[in-house]
Amino acid sequence: MDYVAWAKWYDIFYTAADPGDIEFYHGLCTASGGPILEIGVGTGRIALPLAQQGFEVVGIDLYEPMLKVAQQNALNVAPLSGSLSLIQADMRNFDLKRQFPVVTIPARTLLLATSEEEQVQTLCCAAQHLASDGTMAFNLFYPDPEMLADDPEEEFLLEVVEKPDGGRYVLTAKNRFDLESQLNHGLQIAEELDSAGEVIRREELGVVVRYLYPEQVTALCNKVGLEVIEMWGDFEGSEVDEFSDEIVVIARHTTSD
């Protein structure tokens, strides 16, 4: 993945997104009281508003371009009532030498670990940073059969984002699923159009993810000593089924009887 390019477009892709994930993670963090560890902090879309509300947030990300945007975003809203510490680290192998009452892996970040081994490593590191009575949460997309049957050559619309100057961003994508490896070699295409509809900027952004089924999520959590206490099909608590868009997971350390 070209994270220099992704850093430029990431916030645009989320401009018109459903804010349900932010509300979910913020509710969870507010209930815990913090401090908060966010794995895959990106540009600070979820972490920064929490720091504005007075929480101590520690965010890790492997990619410096994303962290630079997050730092600039933080400067743009400074001073913060709380704090936001940004750390460059690999989610598969890091040690902050502390634990947190809440650990989050939002925005389907776990799927960027593209093998079962790497996903186990990521969850293991996350669990090691979770306090004994703490709560972990993460979300993934639900791999429904219709999605997995996508034509790899068919481009589909994600979103149109209007700009104040009369222009707009047109965001489209293609999926190429490998059912055996459970990998999606996706392509997200971002175009910026002026008020006359002429393309003034275009970027093709590749992304590879390893999708998971609900039963695999539970098995991976069990491997690292986590118990799934809630699994939802959206951020409002609906049941997971073939119509779900998300797999939303809340987990805690496994307790022994």
Protein backbone atom coordinates (compact mmCIF):
# COMPACT_ATOMS: atom_id res chain seq x y z
CA MET A 1 0.00 0.00 0.00
CA ASP A 2 1.19 3.50 -0.85
CA TYR A 3 0.62 5.21 2.49
CA VAL A 4 1.94 8.54 1.24
CA ALA A 5 -0.99 8.61 -1.19
CA TRP A 6 -3.40 7.06 1.32
CA ALA A 7 -2.58 9.74 3.89
CA LYS A 8 -3.68 12.43 1.41
CA TRP A 9 -7.03 10.79 0.68
CA TYR A 10 -7.92 8.94 3.88
CA ASP A 11 -9.98 11.66 5.53
CA ILE A 12 -11.82 12.37 2.27
CA PHE A 13 -12.95 8.74 2.08
CA TYR A 14 -14.45 9.08 5.56
CA THR A 15 -15.97 12.56 5.10
CA ALA A 16 -19.40 11.24 4.18
CA ALA A 17 -19.17 7.96 6.09
CA ASP A 18 -21.75 6.89 8.64
CA PRO A 19 -20.51 8.21 12.01
CA GLY A 20 -21.81 5.09 13.74
CA ASP A 21 -18.32 3.73 14.34
CA ILE A 22 -17.19 6.95 16.02
CA GLU A 23 -20.27 6.93 18.27
CA PHE A 24 -19.69 3.27 19.16
CA TYR A 25 -16.00 3.63 20.04
CA HIS A 26 -16.54 6.92 21.86
CA GLY A 27 -19.32 5.38 23.94
CA LEU A 28 -17.09 2.47 24.88
CA CYS A 29 -14.18 4.75 25.78
CA THR A 30 -16.37 7.11 27.79
CA ALA A 31 -17.71 4.19 29.82
CA SER A 32 -14.15 3.04 30.60
CA GLY A 33 -12.89 6.46 31.62
CA GLY A 34 -9.62 5.88 29.80
CA PRO A 35 -6.74 5.95 29.17
CA ILE A 36 -7.26 4.48 25.70
CA LEU A 37 -5.01 2.57 23.30
CA GLU A 38 -6.01 2.77 19.65
CA ILE A 39 -4.22 0.35 17.32
CA GLY A 40 -4.14 1.72 13.78
CA VAL A 41 -4.75 5.34 14.73
CA GLY A 42 -4.36 6.55 11.13
CA THR A 43 -5.06 10.26 10.81
CA GLY A 44 -6.70 10.46 14.24
CA ARG A 45 -10.30 10.36 13.00
CA ILE A 46 -11.50 8.51 16.10
CA ALA A 47 -8.72 9.31 18.57
CA LEU A 48 -8.58 13.07 18.18
CA PRO A 49 -12.16 13.88 19.27
CA LEU A 50 -11.58 11.72 22.36
CA ALA A 51 -8.46 13.73 23.22
CA GLN A 52 -10.51 16.91 22.71
CA GLN A 53 -13.03 15.58 25.25
CA GLY A 54 -10.32 15.20 27.89
CA PHE A 55 -9.17 11.60 27.49
CA GLU A 56 -5.60 10.35 27.41
CA VAL A 57 -5.27 8.53 24.09
CA VAL A 58 -2.25 6.59 22.87
CA GLY A 59 -2.38 5.78 19.17
CA ILE A 60 -0.02 3.53 17.25
CA ASP A 61 0.40 3.22 13.51
CA LEU A 62 3.11 1.65 11.38
CA TYR A 63 3.07 4.32 8.72
CA GLU A 64 4.73 7.70 9.23
CA PRO A 65 2.67 9.54 6.55
CA MET A 66 -0.55 8.72 8.42
CA LEU A 67 0.94 9.83 11.74
CA LYS A 68 2.11 13.11 10.22
CA VAL A 69 -1.44 13.88 9.10
CA ALA A 70 -2.72 12.94 12.57
CA GLN A 71 -0.18 15.27 14.16
CA GLN A 72 -1.21 18.12 11.88
CA ASN A 73 -4.88 17.44 12.57
CA ALA A 74 -4.12 17.63 16.29
CA LEU A 75 -2.32 20.95 15.86
CA ASN A 76 -5.30 22.32 13.95
CA VAL A 77 -7.59 21.81 16.97
CA ALA A 78 -5.09 22.47 19.77
CA PRO A 79 -5.10 22.94 22.67
CA LEU A 80 -6.57 19.58 23.69
CA SER A 81 -8.40 19.03 26.96
CA GLY A 82 -6.78 15.60 27.14
CA SER A 83 -3.76 14.23 25.31
CA LEU A 84 -2.93 12.33 22.13
CA SER A 85 0.37 10.45 21.99
CA LEU A 86 1.24 9.17 18.51
CA ILE A 87 3.71 6.29 18.27
CA GLN A 88 5.09 4.62 15.17
CA ALA A 89 4.85 0.89 15.85
CA ASP A 90 3.91 -2.38 14.15
CA MET A 91 0.59 -3.71 15.48
CA ARG A 92 1.90 -7.27 15.10
CA ASN A 93 4.84 -6.71 17.44
CA PHE A 94 4.97 -3.82 19.90
CA ASP A 95 5.42 -3.29 23.61
CA LEU A 96 4.41 -0.04 25.30
CA LYS A 97 5.15 -1.52 28.74
CA ARG A 98 1.74 -0.55 30.09
CA GLN A 99 -1.84 -1.72 30.01
CA PHE A 100 -5.09 0.10 29.25
CA PRO A 101 -8.69 -0.34 30.42
CA VAL A 102 -9.81 -0.08 26.80
CA VAL A 103 -8.03 -1.14 23.61
CA THR A 104 -9.57 -0.52 20.19
CA ILE A 105 -8.70 -1.65 16.66
CA PRO A 106 -11.20 0.36 14.59
CA ALA A 107 -11.72 0.86 10.84
CA ARG A 108 -11.20 -2.83 9.97
CA THR A 109 -7.50 -2.43 10.72
CA LEU A 110 -7.06 -6.03 11.90
CA LEU A 111 -7.68 -7.17 8.32
CA LEU A 112 -4.50 -5.41 7.17
CA ALA A 113 -2.67 -8.33 8.78
CA THR A 114 -2.85 -10.59 5.75
CA SER A 115 -2.32 -14.05 7.25
CA GLU A 116 -3.82 -15.94 10.17
CA GLU A 117 -0.43 -15.84 11.91
CA GLU A 118 -0.24 -12.04 11.63
CA GLN A 119 -3.80 -11.62 12.82
CA VAL A 120 -3.05 -13.79 15.86
CA GLN A 121 0.10 -11.76 16.53
CA THR A 122 -1.90 -8.53 16.35
CA LEU A 123 -4.60 -9.74 18.72
CA CYS A 124 -1.96 -11.17 21.07
CA CYS A 125 -0.18 -7.80 21.28
CA ALA A 126 -3.49 -6.05 21.82
CA ALA A 127 -4.44 -8.49 24.59
CA GLN A 128 -1.08 -8.00 26.31
CA HIS A 129 -1.84 -4.28 26.52
CA LEU A 130 -5.35 -4.82 27.89
CA ALA A 131 -5.87 -4.48 31.65
CA SER A 132 -7.12 -7.59 33.42
CA ASP A 133 -10.65 -6.18 33.69
CA GLY A 134 -10.43 -4.15 30.49
CA THR A 135 -12.47 -4.18 27.28
CA MET A 136 -11.26 -4.60 23.72
CA ALA A 137 -13.28 -3.69 20.64
CA PHE A 138 -12.70 -3.96 16.90
CA ASN A 139 -14.69 -4.14 13.70
CA LEU A 140 -14.37 -5.96 10.38
CA PHE A 141 -16.48 -6.14 7.25
CA TYR A 142 -18.86 -9.07 6.89
CA PRO A 143 -17.89 -11.20 3.86
CA ASP A 144 -21.32 -11.93 2.46
CA PRO A 145 -21.56 -14.23 -0.61
CA GLU A 146 -22.76 -11.45 -2.91
CA MET A 147 -19.71 -9.33 -2.09
CA LEU A 148 -17.32 -12.24 -2.55
CA ALA A 149 -18.80 -12.82 -6.02
CA ASP A 150 -17.92 -9.28 -7.17
CA ASP A 151 -16.61 -9.03 -10.73
CA PRO A 152 -12.97 -7.94 -10.31
CA GLU A 153 -13.28 -5.71 -13.36
CA GLU A 154 -16.47 -3.97 -12.25
CA GLU A 155 -15.97 -0.56 -10.66
CA PHE A 156 -18.65 0.43 -8.17
CA LEU A 157 -19.48 3.72 -6.49
CA LEU A 158 -18.54 4.23 -2.85
CA GLU A 159 -19.41 7.87 -2.31
CA VAL A 160 -19.71 11.32 -3.85
CA VAL A 161 -18.45 14.08 -1.55
CA GLU A 162 -19.45 17.63 -2.42
CA LYS A 163 -16.88 20.40 -2.03
CA PRO A 164 -17.67 23.98 -0.89
CA ASP A 165 -16.29 25.37 -4.17
CA GLY A 166 -18.86 23.48 -6.25
CA GLY A 167 -16.53 20.63 -7.13
CA ARG A 168 -16.75 17.13 -5.74
CA TYR A 169 -14.84 13.98 -4.97
CA VAL A 170 -15.99 10.75 -6.62
CA LEU A 171 -14.86 7.62 -4.79
CA THR A 172 -15.16 4.21 -6.44
CA ALA A 173 -13.64 0.76 -5.93
CA LYS A 174 -12.98 -2.70 -7.34
CA ASN A 175 -12.72 -5.96 -5.41
CA ARG A 176 -10.72 -9.05 -6.37
CA PHE A 177 -11.39 -11.79 -3.86
CA ASP A 178 -9.31 -14.95 -3.51
CA LEU A 179 -11.64 -17.34 -1.70
CA GLU A 180 -8.90 -19.84 -0.82
CA SER A 181 -6.55 -17.36 0.88
CA GLN A 182 -9.42 -15.10 2.04
CA LEU A 183 -7.59 -12.13 0.57
CA ASN A 184 -9.14 -9.17 -1.19
CA HIS A 185 -6.78 -7.36 -3.53
CA GLY A 186 -8.86 -4.21 -3.62
CA LEU A 187 -8.48 -1.00 -5.54
CA GLN A 188 -10.02 2.25 -4.35
CA ILE A 189 -10.13 5.06 -6.89
CA ALA A 190 -10.35 8.70 -5.85
CA GLU A 191 -11.12 11.52 -8.28
CA GLU A 192 -11.34 15.23 -7.57
CA LEU A 193 -13.57 17.14 -9.99
CA ASP A 194 -13.87 20.89 -10.42
CA SER A 195 -17.18 22.77 -10.62
CA ALA A 196 -17.37 22.04 -14.36
CA GLY A 197 -17.03 18.31 -13.78
CA GLU A 198 -13.46 18.07 -15.08
CA VAL A 199 -11.10 15.68 -13.31
CA ILE A 200 -8.25 17.65 -11.75
CA ARG A 201 -6.76 14.89 -9.61
CA ARG A 202 -6.97 11.10 -9.69
CA GLU A 203 -5.37 8.40 -7.55
CA GLU A 204 -5.61 4.62 -7.58
CA LEU A 205 -5.08 3.25 -4.09
CA GLY A 206 -4.40 -0.44 -3.68
CA VAL A 207 -5.23 -2.28 -0.47
CA VAL A 208 -4.89 -5.95 0.47
CA VAL A 209 -6.90 -7.34 3.39
CA ARG A 210 -7.59 -10.80 4.80
CA TYR A 211 -11.28 -11.07 5.63
CA LEU A 212 -12.68 -13.22 8.43
CA TYR A 213 -15.92 -15.02 9.14
CA PRO A 214 -17.57 -14.64 12.57
CA GLU A 215 -16.60 -18.12 13.73
CA GLN A 216 -12.97 -17.42 12.78
CA VAL A 217 -13.01 -14.22 14.81
CA THR A 218 -14.13 -16.14 17.87
CA ALA A 219 -11.45 -18.80 17.30
CA LEU A 220 -8.68 -16.21 16.92
CA CYS A 221 -9.75 -14.46 20.11
CA ASN A 222 -9.77 -17.76 21.98
CA LYS A 223 -6.22 -18.44 20.80
CA VAL A 224 -4.92 -15.31 22.52
CA GLY A 225 -6.94 -15.66 25.72
CA LEU A 226 -9.82 -13.38 24.82
CA GLU A 227 -13.51 -14.14 25.18
CA VAL A 228 -15.97 -12.56 22.77
CA ILE A 229 -18.75 -11.17 24.94
CA GLU A 230 -20.64 -9.36 22.17
CA MET A 231 -20.66 -9.74 18.39
CA TRP A 232 -22.93 -7.47 16.36
CA GLY A 233 -23.79 -6.97 12.71
CA ASP A 234 -23.59 -3.18 12.98
CA PHE A 235 -22.60 -0.49 15.47
CA GLU A 236 -26.12 -0.36 16.94
CA GLY A 237 -26.13 -3.95 18.21
CA SER A 238 -28.00 -5.84 15.49
CA GLU A 239 -27.56 -9.58 15.07
CA VAL A 240 -24.85 -10.80 12.67
CA ASP A 241 -26.42 -12.35 9.58
CA GLU A 242 -26.00 -12.49 5.80
CA PHE A 243 -27.33 -8.93 5.52
CA SER A 244 -24.75 -7.45 7.88
CA ASP A 245 -22.15 -4.96 6.70
CA GLU A 246 -19.96 -5.20 9.80
CA ILE A 247 -18.73 -7.63 12.39
CA VAL A 248 -18.41 -5.58 15.58
CA VAL A 249 -16.61 -7.38 18.39
CA ILE A 250 -16.35 -6.64 22.12
CA ALA A 251 -13.99 -8.95 24.01
CA ARG A 252 -12.39 -9.35 27.41
CA HIS A 253 -9.75 -11.55 28.94
CA THR A 254 -10.94 -15.12 29.39
CA THR A 255 -11.82 -15.78 33.01
CA SER A 256 -11.10 -19.13 34.62
CA ASP A 257 -13.76 -20.77 36.80
